[in-house]
């Protein structure tokens, strides 16, 4: 079962324009109470190894818990809903501090 903050490897398909696409890691941002119901669609924030100085991205350092291979950036401006069938595997978890930063950035982006 997925939990908030999980790092999942998924296929986002072919990108259009500046969208994140292809096979890449992403952070699950769906609420725990929703995930407990085993949804067919979840919300994720794609990760990239391209580090930009942007207020819409959160830097994540690799560690033994998130299992990222390199310093990555959570692209909050690319938050999206994806079918759980797009997930190839769950590789780690970013933990509560990074998840909170990602969610705060999403709240600013979406004016919540």
PDB file of N, CA and C in Angstrom:
ATOM      1  N   UNK A   1       0.840  -1.180   0.000  1.00  0.00           N
ATOM      2  CA  UNK A   1       0.000   0.000   0.000  1.00  0.00           C
ATOM      3  C   UNK A   1       0.887   1.246   0.000  1.00  0.00           C
ATOM      4  N   UNK A   2       0.513   2.214  -0.807  1.00  0.00           N
ATOM      5  CA  UNK A   2       1.248   3.470  -0.891  1.00  0.00           C
ATOM      6  C   UNK A   2       0.999   4.333   0.336  1.00  0.00           C
ATOM      7  N   UNK A   3       1.987   5.171   0.672  1.00  0.00           N
ATOM      8  CA  UNK A   3       1.843   6.141   1.748  1.00  0.00           C
ATOM      9  C   UNK A   3       2.315   7.505   1.243  1.00  0.00           C
ATOM     10  N   UNK A   4       1.845   8.595   1.853  1.00  0.00           N
ATOM     11  CA  UNK A   4       2.312   9.921   1.434  1.00  0.00           C
ATOM     12  C   UNK A   4       3.828  10.021   1.570  1.00  0.00           C
ATOM     13  N   UNK A   5       4.459  10.628   0.574  1.00  0.00           N
ATOM     14  CA  UNK A   5       5.907  10.779   0.579  1.00  0.00           C
ATOM     15  C   UNK A   5       6.648   9.660  -0.107  1.00  0.00           C
ATOM     16  N   UNK A   6       5.948   8.595  -0.489  1.00  0.00           N
ATOM     17  CA  UNK A   6       6.612   7.502  -1.201  1.00  0.00           C
ATOM     18  C   UNK A   6       7.229   8.018  -2.493  1.00  0.00           C
ATOM     19  N   UNK A   7       8.409   7.506  -2.798  1.00  0.00           N
ATOM     20  CA  UNK A   7       9.049   7.773  -4.080  1.00  0.00           C
ATOM     21  C   UNK A   7       8.713   6.586  -4.971  1.00  0.00           C
ATOM     22  N   UNK A   8       8.024   6.859  -6.062  1.00  0.00           N
ATOM     23  CA  UNK A   8       7.619   5.799  -6.980  1.00  0.00           C
ATOM     24  C   UNK A   8       8.257   6.031  -8.343  1.00  0.00           C
ATOM     25  N   UNK A   9       8.586   4.951  -8.993  1.00  0.00           N
ATOM     26  CA  UNK A   9       9.083   5.003 -10.364  1.00  0.00           C
ATOM     27  C   UNK A   9       7.859   4.806 -11.251  1.00  0.00           C
ATOM     28  N   UNK A  10       7.611   5.777 -12.151  1.00  0.00           N
ATOM     29  CA  UNK A  10       6.422   5.663 -12.993  1.00  0.00           C
ATOM     30  C   UNK A  10       6.674   6.177 -14.388  1.00  0.00           C
ATOM     31  N   UNK A  11       5.752   5.853 -15.276  1.00  0.00           N
ATOM     32  CA  UNK A  11       5.847   6.267 -16.669  1.00  0.00           C
ATOM     33  C   UNK A  11       4.822   7.356 -16.913  1.00  0.00           C
ATOM     34  N   UNK A  12       5.303   8.581 -17.180  1.00  0.00           N
ATOM     35  CA  UNK A  12       4.403   9.708 -17.432  1.00  0.00           C
ATOM     36  C   UNK A  12       4.097   9.882 -18.921  1.00  0.00           C
ATOM     37  N   UNK A  13       4.628   9.020 -19.756  1.00  0.00           N
ATOM     38  CA  UNK A  13       4.343   9.114 -21.184  1.00  0.00           C
ATOM     39  C   UNK A  13       5.139  10.231 -21.848  1.00  0.00           C
ATOM     40  N   UNK A  14       4.809  10.490 -23.090  1.00  0.00           N
ATOM     41  CA  UNK A  14       5.518  11.510 -23.860  1.00  0.00           C
ATOM     42  C   UNK A  14       5.094  12.905 -23.398  1.00  0.00           C
ATOM     43  N   UNK A  15       6.073  13.768 -23.093  1.00  0.00           N
ATOM     44  CA  UNK A  15       5.736  15.115 -22.649  1.00  0.00           C
ATOM     45  C   UNK A  15       5.362  16.020 -23.813  1.00  0.00           C
ATOM     46  N   UNK A  16       4.559  17.015 -23.516  1.00  0.00           N
ATOM     47  CA  UNK A  16       4.246  18.070 -24.471  1.00  0.00           C
ATOM     48  C   UNK A  16       4.864  19.349 -23.925  1.00  0.00           C
ATOM     49  N   UNK A  17       5.534  20.096 -24.768  1.00  0.00           N
ATOM     50  CA  UNK A  17       6.156  21.337 -24.321  1.00  0.00           C
ATOM     51  C   UNK A  17       7.159  21.099 -23.209  1.00  0.00           C
ATOM     52  N   UNK A  18       6.999  21.817 -22.099  1.00  0.00           N
ATOM     53  CA  UNK A  18       7.927  21.724 -20.973  1.00  0.00           C
ATOM     54  C   UNK A  18       7.472  20.770 -19.887  1.00  0.00           C
ATOM     55  N   UNK A  19       6.467  19.941 -20.159  1.00  0.00           N
ATOM     56  CA  UNK A  19       5.973  18.992 -19.162  1.00  0.00           C
ATOM     57  C   UNK A  19       7.037  17.978 -18.785  1.00  0.00           C
ATOM     58  N   UNK A  20       6.918  17.474 -17.546  1.00  0.00           N
ATOM     59  CA  UNK A  20       7.731  16.330 -17.145  1.00  0.00           C
ATOM     60  C   UNK A  20       7.124  15.102 -17.817  1.00  0.00           C
ATOM     61  N   UNK A  21       7.961  14.215 -18.283  1.00  0.00           N
ATOM     62  CA  UNK A  21       7.432  13.028 -18.941  1.00  0.00           C
ATOM     63  C   UNK A  21       8.396  11.869 -18.858  1.00  0.00           C
ATOM     64  N   UNK A  22       8.085  10.839 -19.594  1.00  0.00           N
ATOM     65  CA  UNK A  22       8.870   9.615 -19.673  1.00  0.00           C
ATOM     66  C   UNK A  22       8.890   8.885 -18.334  1.00  0.00           C
ATOM     67  N   UNK A  23       9.775   7.920 -18.196  1.00  0.00           N
ATOM     68  CA  UNK A  23       9.868   7.156 -16.944  1.00  0.00           C
ATOM     69  C   UNK A  23      10.764   7.921 -15.976  1.00  0.00           C
ATOM     70  N   UNK A  24      10.256   8.168 -14.766  1.00  0.00           N
ATOM     71  CA  UNK A  24      10.988   8.950 -13.781  1.00  0.00           C
ATOM     72  C   UNK A  24      10.428   8.728 -12.395  1.00  0.00           C
ATOM     73  N   UNK A  25      11.179   9.102 -11.379  1.00  0.00           N
ATOM     74  CA  UNK A  25      10.642   9.028 -10.017  1.00  0.00           C
ATOM     75  C   UNK A  25       9.697  10.195  -9.751  1.00  0.00           C
ATOM     76  N   UNK A  26       8.805   9.981  -8.816  1.00  0.00           N
ATOM     77  CA  UNK A  26       7.872  11.030  -8.392  1.00  0.00           C
ATOM     78  C   UNK A  26       7.533  10.793  -6.927  1.00  0.00           C
ATOM     79  N   UNK A  27       7.101  11.858  -6.257  1.00  0.00           N
ATOM     80  CA  UNK A  27       6.706  11.781  -4.858  1.00  0.00           C
ATOM     81  C   UNK A  27       5.185  11.734  -4.780  1.00  0.00           C
ATOM     82  N   UNK A  28       4.652  10.768  -4.038  1.00  0.00           N
ATOM     83  CA  UNK A  28       3.212  10.660  -3.824  1.00  0.00           C
ATOM     84  C   UNK A  28       2.805  11.733  -2.816  1.00  0.00           C
ATOM     85  N   UNK A  29       1.825  12.585  -3.195  1.00  0.00           N
ATOM     86  CA  UNK A  29       1.350  13.649  -2.307  1.00  0.00           C
ATOM     87  C   UNK A  29      -0.111  13.465  -1.902  1.00  0.00           C
ATOM     88  N   UNK A  30      -0.736  12.405  -2.337  1.00  0.00           N
ATOM     89  CA  UNK A  30      -2.120  12.098  -1.977  1.00  0.00           C
ATOM     90  C   UNK A  30      -2.225  11.885  -0.466  1.00  0.00           C
ATOM     91  N   UNK A  31      -3.313  12.336   0.122  1.00  0.00           N
ATOM     92  CA  UNK A  31      -3.541  12.208   1.569  1.00  0.00           C
ATOM     93  C   UNK A  31      -3.612  10.737   1.985  1.00  0.00           C
ATOM     94  N   UNK A  32      -3.118  10.454   3.193  1.00  0.00           N
ATOM     95  CA  UNK A  32      -3.107   9.084   3.726  1.00  0.00           C
ATOM     96  C   UNK A  32      -4.504   8.483   3.764  1.00  0.00           C
ATOM     97  N   UNK A  33      -5.497   9.262   4.175  1.00  0.00           N
ATOM     98  CA  UNK A  33      -6.864   8.732   4.280  1.00  0.00           C
ATOM     99  C   UNK A  33      -7.410   8.315   2.914  1.00  0.00           C
ATOM    100  N   UNK A  34      -6.965   8.974   1.857  1.00  0.00           N
ATOM    101  CA  UNK A  34      -7.377   8.594   0.500  1.00  0.00           C
ATOM    102  C   UNK A  34      -6.632   7.331   0.071  1.00  0.00           C
ATOM    103  N   UNK A  35      -5.340   7.286   0.357  1.00  0.00           N
ATOM    104  CA  UNK A  35      -4.541   6.120  -0.031  1.00  0.00           C
ATOM    105  C   UNK A  35      -5.012   4.844   0.656  1.00  0.00           C
ATOM    106  N   UNK A  36      -5.526   4.967   1.873  1.00  0.00           N
ATOM    107  CA  UNK A  36      -6.031   3.792   2.594  1.00  0.00           C
ATOM    108  C   UNK A  36      -7.175   3.114   1.861  1.00  0.00           C
ATOM    109  N   UNK A  37      -7.890   3.877   1.043  1.00  0.00           N
ATOM    110  CA  UNK A  37      -9.002   3.323   0.277  1.00  0.00           C
ATOM    111  C   UNK A  37      -8.579   2.610  -0.993  1.00  0.00           C
ATOM    112  N   UNK A  38      -7.274   2.601  -1.296  1.00  0.00           N
ATOM    113  CA  UNK A  38      -6.788   1.917  -2.497  1.00  0.00           C
ATOM    114  C   UNK A  38      -7.278   2.547  -3.781  1.00  0.00           C
ATOM    115  N   UNK A  39      -7.038   3.855  -3.967  1.00  0.00           N
ATOM    116  CA  UNK A  39      -7.552   4.532  -5.168  1.00  0.00           C
ATOM    117  C   UNK A  39      -6.889   4.042  -6.452  1.00  0.00           C
ATOM    118  N   UNK A  40      -7.585   4.240  -7.554  1.00  0.00           N
ATOM    119  CA  UNK A  40      -7.040   3.906  -8.874  1.00  0.00           C
ATOM    120  C   UNK A  40      -6.197   5.051  -9.436  1.00  0.00           C
ATOM    121  N   UNK A  41      -6.389   6.258  -8.873  1.00  0.00           N
ATOM    122  CA  UNK A  41      -5.678   7.450  -9.319  1.00  0.00           C
ATOM    123  C   UNK A  41      -5.101   8.140  -8.087  1.00  0.00           C
ATOM    124  N   UNK A  42      -3.842   8.576  -8.188  1.00  0.00           N
ATOM    125  CA  UNK A  42      -3.182   9.287  -7.089  1.00  0.00           C
ATOM    126  C   UNK A  42      -2.570  10.582  -7.629  1.00  0.00           C
ATOM    127  N   UNK A  43      -2.141  11.449  -6.701  1.00  0.00           N
ATOM    128  CA  UNK A  43      -1.496  12.693  -7.085  1.00  0.00           C
ATOM    129  C   UNK A  43      -0.006  12.572  -6.787  1.00  0.00           C
ATOM    130  N   UNK A  44       0.815  13.011  -7.748  1.00  0.00           N
ATOM    131  CA  UNK A  44       2.266  12.911  -7.618  1.00  0.00           C
ATOM    132  C   UNK A  44       2.933  14.213  -8.063  1.00  0.00           C
ATOM    133  N   UNK A  45       4.156  14.393  -7.572  1.00  0.00           N
ATOM    134  CA  UNK A  45       5.020  15.482  -8.027  1.00  0.00           C
ATOM    135  C   UNK A  45       6.253  14.819  -8.637  1.00  0.00           C
ATOM    136  N   UNK A  46       6.485  15.031  -9.937  1.00  0.00           N
ATOM    137  CA  UNK A  46       7.640  14.413 -10.602  1.00  0.00           C
ATOM    138  C   UNK A  46       8.966  14.948 -10.060  1.00  0.00           C
ATOM    139  N   UNK A  47      10.001  14.119 -10.129  1.00  0.00           N
ATOM    140  CA  UNK A  47      11.346  14.516  -9.736  1.00  0.00           C
ATOM    141  C   UNK A  47      12.234  14.627 -10.966  1.00  0.00           C
ATOM    142  N   UNK A  48      13.237  15.489 -10.862  1.00  0.00           N
ATOM    143  CA  UNK A  48      14.235  15.644 -11.916  1.00  0.00           C
ATOM    144  C   UNK A  48      15.604  15.796 -11.270  1.00  0.00           C
ATOM    145  N   UNK A  49      16.642  15.406 -11.990  1.00  0.00           N
ATOM    146  CA  UNK A  49      18.009  15.624 -11.515  1.00  0.00           C
ATOM    147  C   UNK A  49      18.534  16.983 -11.953  1.00  0.00           C
ATOM    148  N   UNK A  50      17.754  17.693 -12.781  1.00  0.00           N
ATOM    149  CA  UNK A  50      18.121  19.043 -13.198  1.00  0.00           C
ATOM    150  C   UNK A  50      17.715  19.999 -12.081  1.00  0.00           C
ATOM    151  N   UNK A  51      18.699  20.609 -11.444  1.00  0.00           N
ATOM    152  CA  UNK A  51      18.440  21.500 -10.317  1.00  0.00           C
ATOM    153  C   UNK A  51      18.341  22.937 -10.828  1.00  0.00           C
ATOM    154  N   UNK A  52      17.219  23.577 -10.554  1.00  0.00           N
ATOM    155  CA  UNK A  52      16.985  24.960 -10.948  1.00  0.00           C
ATOM    156  C   UNK A  52      16.770  25.799  -9.690  1.00  0.00           C
ATOM    157  N   UNK A  53      17.025  27.070  -9.786  1.00  0.00           N
ATOM    158  CA  UNK A  53      16.708  27.963  -8.667  1.00  0.00           C
ATOM    159  C   UNK A  53      15.298  28.492  -8.900  1.00  0.00           C
ATOM    160  N   UNK A  54      14.337  27.741  -8.434  1.00  0.00           N
ATOM    161  CA  UNK A  54      12.933  28.081  -8.648  1.00  0.00           C
ATOM    162  C   UNK A  54      12.170  27.916  -7.340  1.00  0.00           C
ATOM    163  N   UNK A  55      11.287  28.855  -7.069  1.00  0.00           N
ATOM    164  CA  UNK A  55      10.476  28.765  -5.848  1.00  0.00           C
ATOM    165  C   UNK A  55       9.403  27.693  -5.960  1.00  0.00           C
ATOM    166  N   UNK A  56       9.268  27.085  -7.132  1.00  0.00           N
ATOM    167  CA  UNK A  56       8.253  26.050  -7.330  1.00  0.00           C
ATOM    168  C   UNK A  56       8.823  24.638  -7.225  1.00  0.00           C
ATOM    169  N   UNK A  57      10.118  24.536  -6.869  1.00  0.00           N
ATOM    170  CA  UNK A  57      10.759  23.239  -6.764  1.00  0.00           C
ATOM    171  C   UNK A  57      11.397  23.068  -5.387  1.00  0.00           C
ATOM    172  N   UNK A  58      11.422  21.826  -4.897  1.00  0.00           N
ATOM    173  CA  UNK A  58      11.997  21.493  -3.598  1.00  0.00           C
ATOM    174  C   UNK A  58      13.161  20.534  -3.829  1.00  0.00           C
ATOM    175  N   UNK A  59      14.334  20.906  -3.322  1.00  0.00           N
ATOM    176  CA  UNK A  59      15.532  20.077  -3.479  1.00  0.00           C
ATOM    177  C   UNK A  59      15.493  18.913  -2.484  1.00  0.00           C
ATOM    178  N   UNK A  60      15.842  17.726  -2.978  1.00  0.00           N
ATOM    179  CA  UNK A  60      15.874  16.519  -2.145  1.00  0.00           C
ATOM    180  C   UNK A  60      17.251  15.880  -2.286  1.00  0.00           C
ATOM    181  N   UNK A  61      17.942  15.766  -1.149  1.00  0.00           N
ATOM    182  CA  UNK A  61      19.252  15.108  -1.137  1.00  0.00           C
ATOM    183  C   UNK A  61      19.033  13.593  -1.029  1.00  0.00           C
ATOM    184  N   UNK A  62      19.815  12.800  -1.745  1.00  0.00           N
ATOM    185  CA  UNK A  62      19.663  11.342  -1.654  1.00  0.00           C
ATOM    186  C   UNK A  62      20.073  10.835  -0.280  1.00  0.00           C
ATOM    187  N   UNK A  63      19.351   9.832   0.220  1.00  0.00           N
ATOM    188  CA  UNK A  63      19.726   9.177   1.474  1.00  0.00           C
ATOM    189  C   UNK A  63      19.233   7.739   1.454  1.00  0.00           C
ATOM    190  N   UNK A  64      19.493   7.025   2.552  1.00  0.00           N
ATOM    191  CA  UNK A  64      19.156   5.604   2.600  1.00  0.00           C
ATOM    192  C   UNK A  64      17.655   5.350   2.672  1.00  0.00           C
ATOM    193  N   UNK A  65      16.864   6.370   3.023  1.00  0.00           N
ATOM    194  CA  UNK A  65      15.412   6.189   3.127  1.00  0.00           C
ATOM    195  C   UNK A  65      14.715   6.494   1.806  1.00  0.00           C
ATOM    196  N   UNK A  66      15.075   7.615   1.153  1.00  0.00           N
ATOM    197  CA  UNK A  66      14.407   7.935  -0.117  1.00  0.00           C
ATOM    198  C   UNK A  66      14.991   7.141  -1.282  1.00  0.00           C
ATOM    199  N   UNK A  67      16.216   6.638  -1.112  1.00  0.00           N
ATOM    200  CA  UNK A  67      16.896   5.801  -2.109  1.00  0.00           C
ATOM    201  C   UNK A  67      17.066   6.466  -3.474  1.00  0.00           C
ATOM    202  N   UNK A  68      17.097   7.786  -3.499  1.00  0.00           N
ATOM    203  CA  UNK A  68      17.362   8.476  -4.759  1.00  0.00           C
ATOM    204  C   UNK A  68      18.828   8.280  -5.112  1.00  0.00           C
ATOM    205  N   UNK A  69      19.133   8.213  -6.383  1.00  0.00           N
ATOM    206  CA  UNK A  69      20.499   7.984  -6.843  1.00  0.00           C
ATOM    207  C   UNK A  69      21.305   9.283  -6.907  1.00  0.00           C
ATOM    208  N   UNK A  70      20.617  10.426  -6.959  1.00  0.00           N
ATOM    209  CA  UNK A  70      21.292  11.716  -7.087  1.00  0.00           C
ATOM    210  C   UNK A  70      20.422  12.805  -6.473  1.00  0.00           C
ATOM    211  N   UNK A  71      21.050  13.937  -6.200  1.00  0.00           N
ATOM    212  CA  UNK A  71      20.308  15.110  -5.743  1.00  0.00           C
ATOM    213  C   UNK A  71      19.197  15.371  -6.766  1.00  0.00           C
ATOM    214  N   UNK A  72      18.006  15.593  -6.278  1.00  0.00           N
ATOM    215  CA  UNK A  72      16.859  15.748  -7.169  1.00  0.00           C
ATOM    216  C   UNK A  72      16.019  16.949  -6.775  1.00  0.00           C
ATOM    217  N   UNK A  73      15.154  17.335  -7.673  1.00  0.00           N
ATOM    218  CA  UNK A  73      14.266  18.455  -7.433  1.00  0.00           C
ATOM    219  C   UNK A  73      12.825  18.009  -7.667  1.00  0.00           C
ATOM    220  N   UNK A  74      11.975  18.240  -6.665  1.00  0.00           N
ATOM    221  CA  UNK A  74      10.543  17.936  -6.812  1.00  0.00           C
ATOM    222  C   UNK A  74       9.900  19.086  -7.579  1.00  0.00           C
ATOM    223  N   UNK A  75       9.395  18.793  -8.744  1.00  0.00           N
ATOM    224  CA  UNK A  75       8.829  19.805  -9.632  1.00  0.00           C
ATOM    225  C   UNK A  75       7.355  20.040  -9.285  1.00  0.00           C
ATOM    226  N   UNK A  76       7.125  20.824  -8.253  1.00  0.00           N
ATOM    227  CA  UNK A  76       5.755  21.047  -7.770  1.00  0.00           C
ATOM    228  C   UNK A  76       4.859  21.682  -8.830  1.00  0.00           C
ATOM    229  N   UNK A  77       5.440  22.440  -9.735  1.00  0.00           N
ATOM    230  CA  UNK A  77       4.655  23.059 -10.810  1.00  0.00           C
ATOM    231  C   UNK A  77       4.105  22.014 -11.773  1.00  0.00           C
ATOM    232  N   UNK A  78       4.574  20.770 -11.668  1.00  0.00           N
ATOM    233  CA  UNK A  78       4.108  19.696 -12.542  1.00  0.00           C
ATOM    234  C   UNK A  78       3.235  18.669 -11.812  1.00  0.00           C
ATOM    235  N   UNK A  79       2.660  19.044 -10.670  1.00  0.00           N
ATOM    236  CA  UNK A  79       1.802  18.112  -9.932  1.00  0.00           C
ATOM    237  C   UNK A  79       0.730  17.571 -10.872  1.00  0.00           C
ATOM    238  N   UNK A  80       0.438  16.295 -10.728  1.00  0.00           N
ATOM    239  CA  UNK A  80      -0.573  15.698 -11.617  1.00  0.00           C
ATOM    240  C   UNK A  80      -1.198  14.466 -11.003  1.00  0.00           C
ATOM    241  N   UNK A  81      -2.326  14.108 -11.535  1.00  0.00           N
ATOM    242  CA  UNK A  81      -3.007  12.871 -11.163  1.00  0.00           C
ATOM    243  C   UNK A  81      -2.589  11.801 -12.155  1.00  0.00           C
ATOM    244  N   UNK A  82      -2.276  10.616 -11.625  1.00  0.00           N
ATOM    245  CA  UNK A  82      -1.878   9.507 -12.486  1.00  0.00           C
ATOM    246  C   UNK A  82      -2.574   8.233 -12.041  1.00  0.00           C
ATOM    247  N   UNK A  83      -2.834   7.368 -12.982  1.00  0.00           N
ATOM    248  CA  UNK A  83      -3.390   6.044 -12.668  1.00  0.00           C
ATOM    249  C   UNK A  83      -2.318   5.237 -11.946  1.00  0.00           C
ATOM    250  N   UNK A  84      -2.718   4.478 -10.953  1.00  0.00           N
ATOM    251  CA  UNK A  84      -1.756   3.660 -10.212  1.00  0.00           C
ATOM    252  C   UNK A  84      -1.107   2.596 -11.109  1.00  0.00           C
ATOM    253  N   UNK A  85      -1.733   2.289 -12.235  1.00  0.00           N
ATOM    254  CA  UNK A  85      -1.147   1.321 -13.170  1.00  0.00           C
ATOM    255  C   UNK A  85       0.118   1.874 -13.825  1.00  0.00           C
ATOM    256  N   UNK A  86       0.372   3.189 -13.732  1.00  0.00           N
ATOM    257  CA  UNK A  86       1.598   3.784 -14.271  1.00  0.00           C
ATOM    258  C   UNK A  86       2.808   3.519 -13.372  1.00  0.00           C
ATOM    259  N   UNK A  87       2.554   3.097 -12.120  1.00  0.00           N
ATOM    260  CA  UNK A  87       3.639   2.890 -11.166  1.00  0.00           C
ATOM    261  C   UNK A  87       4.333   1.552 -11.447  1.00  0.00           C
ATOM    262  N   UNK A  88       5.657   1.617 -11.589  1.00  0.00           N
ATOM    263  CA  UNK A  88       6.446   0.398 -11.795  1.00  0.00           C
ATOM    264  C   UNK A  88       6.921  -0.170 -10.471  1.00  0.00           C
ATOM    265  N   UNK A  89       7.317   0.716  -9.540  1.00  0.00           N
ATOM    266  CA  UNK A  89       7.759   0.263  -8.220  1.00  0.00           C
ATOM    267  C   UNK A  89       7.828   1.436  -7.259  1.00  0.00           C
ATOM    268  N   UNK A  90       7.787   1.110  -5.982  1.00  0.00           N
ATOM    269  CA  UNK A  90       7.994   2.080  -4.918  1.00  0.00           C
ATOM    270  C   UNK A  90       9.420   1.867  -4.432  1.00  0.00           C
ATOM    271  N   UNK A  91      10.233   2.932  -4.448  1.00  0.00           N
ATOM    272  CA  UNK A  91      11.649   2.762  -4.140  1.00  0.00           C
ATOM    273  C   UNK A  91      12.065   3.323  -2.787  1.00  0.00           C
ATOM    274  N   UNK A  92      11.287   4.206  -2.194  1.00  0.00           N
ATOM    275  CA  UNK A  92      11.674   4.807  -0.922  1.00  0.00           C
ATOM    276  C   UNK A  92      10.615   5.783  -0.458  1.00  0.00           C
ATOM    277  N   UNK A  93      10.989   6.676   0.476  1.00  0.00           N
ATOM    278  CA  UNK A  93      10.078   7.685   0.992  1.00  0.00           C
ATOM    279  C   UNK A  93      10.894   8.914   1.357  1.00  0.00           C
ATOM    280  N   UNK A  94      10.384  10.102   1.029  1.00  0.00           N
ATOM    281  CA  UNK A  94      11.118  11.343   1.289  1.00  0.00           C
ATOM    282  C   UNK A  94      11.046  11.780   2.743  1.00  0.00           C
ATOM    283  N   UNK A  95      10.131  11.216   3.518  1.00  0.00           N
ATOM    284  CA  UNK A  95      10.005  11.570   4.934  1.00  0.00           C
ATOM    285  C   UNK A  95       9.119  12.783   5.154  1.00  0.00           C
ATOM    286  N   UNK A  96       8.729  13.012   6.411  1.00  0.00           N
ATOM    287  CA  UNK A  96       7.748  14.058   6.724  1.00  0.00           C
ATOM    288  C   UNK A  96       8.236  15.480   6.480  1.00  0.00           C
ATOM    289  N   UNK A  97       9.517  15.754   6.644  1.00  0.00           N
ATOM    290  CA  UNK A  97      10.015  17.128   6.471  1.00  0.00           C
ATOM    291  C   UNK A  97       9.944  17.542   5.000  1.00  0.00           C
ATOM    292  N   UNK A  98      10.491  16.730   4.114  1.00  0.00           N
ATOM    293  CA  UNK A  98      10.453  17.047   2.677  1.00  0.00           C
ATOM    294  C   UNK A  98       9.017  17.023   2.169  1.00  0.00           C
ATOM    295  N   UNK A  99       8.219  16.042   2.601  1.00  0.00           N
ATOM    296  CA  UNK A  99       6.815  15.990   2.176  1.00  0.00           C
ATOM    297  C   UNK A  99       6.100  17.275   2.577  1.00  0.00           C
ATOM    298  N   UNK A 100       6.358  17.768   3.760  1.00  0.00           N
ATOM    299  CA  UNK A 100       5.749  19.018   4.215  1.00  0.00           C
ATOM    300  C   UNK A 100       6.187  20.195   3.343  1.00  0.00           C
ATOM    301  N   UNK A 101       7.460  20.249   2.980  1.00  0.00           N
ATOM    302  CA  UNK A 101       7.955  21.314   2.094  1.00  0.00           C
ATOM    303  C   UNK A 101       7.271  21.252   0.729  1.00  0.00           C
ATOM    304  N   UNK A 102       7.130  20.042   0.194  1.00  0.00           N
ATOM    305  CA  UNK A 102       6.472  19.867  -1.102  1.00  0.00           C
ATOM    306  C   UNK A 102       5.017  20.323  -1.007  1.00  0.00           C
ATOM    307  N   UNK A 103       4.319  19.909   0.039  1.00  0.00           N
ATOM    308  CA  UNK A 103       2.912  20.287   0.198  1.00  0.00           C
ATOM    309  C   UNK A 103       2.752  21.790   0.416  1.00  0.00           C
ATOM    310  N   UNK A 104       3.673  22.416   1.145  1.00  0.00           N
ATOM    311  CA  UNK A 104       3.621  23.875   1.331  1.00  0.00           C
ATOM    312  C   UNK A 104       3.814  24.594   0.002  1.00  0.00           C
ATOM    313  N   UNK A 105       4.733  24.098  -0.806  1.00  0.00           N
ATOM    314  CA  UNK A 105       4.966  24.685  -2.125  1.00  0.00           C
ATOM    315  C   UNK A 105       3.732  24.520  -3.007  1.00  0.00           C
ATOM    316  N   UNK A 106       3.094  23.349  -2.943  1.00  0.00           N
ATOM    317  CA  UNK A 106       1.851  23.129  -3.701  1.00  0.00           C
ATOM    318  C   UNK A 106       0.766  24.096  -3.238  1.00  0.00           C
ATOM    319  N   UNK A 107       0.655  24.306  -1.934  1.00  0.00           N
ATOM    320  CA  UNK A 107      -0.352  25.215  -1.398  1.00  0.00           C
ATOM    321  C   UNK A 107      -0.139  26.636  -1.913  1.00  0.00           C
ATOM    322  N   UNK A 108       1.120  27.073  -1.992  1.00  0.00           N
ATOM    323  CA  UNK A 108       1.411  28.400  -2.536  1.00  0.00           C
ATOM    324  C   UNK A 108       1.062  28.472  -4.024  1.00  0.00           C
ATOM    325  N   UNK A 109       1.440  27.437  -4.761  1.00  0.00           N
ATOM    326  CA  UNK A 109       1.157  27.401  -6.209  1.00  0.00           C
ATOM    327  C   UNK A 109      -0.337  27.433  -6.514  1.00  0.00           C
ATOM    328  N   UNK A 110      -1.102  26.706  -5.686  1.00  0.00           N
ATOM    329  CA  UNK A 110      -2.532  26.553  -5.939  1.00  0.00           C
ATOM    330  C   UNK A 110      -3.381  27.554  -5.144  1.00  0.00           C
ATOM    331  N   UNK A 111      -2.708  28.436  -4.404  1.00  0.00           N
ATOM    332  CA  UNK A 111      -3.386  29.457  -3.603  1.00  0.00           C
ATOM    333  C   UNK A 111      -4.372  28.835  -2.635  1.00  0.00           C
ATOM    334  N   UNK A 112      -3.907  27.823  -1.898  1.00  0.00           N
ATOM    335  CA  UNK A 112      -4.754  27.124  -0.926  1.00  0.00           C
ATOM    336  C   UNK A 112      -4.531  27.668   0.477  1.00  0.00           C
TER     337      UNK A 112
END
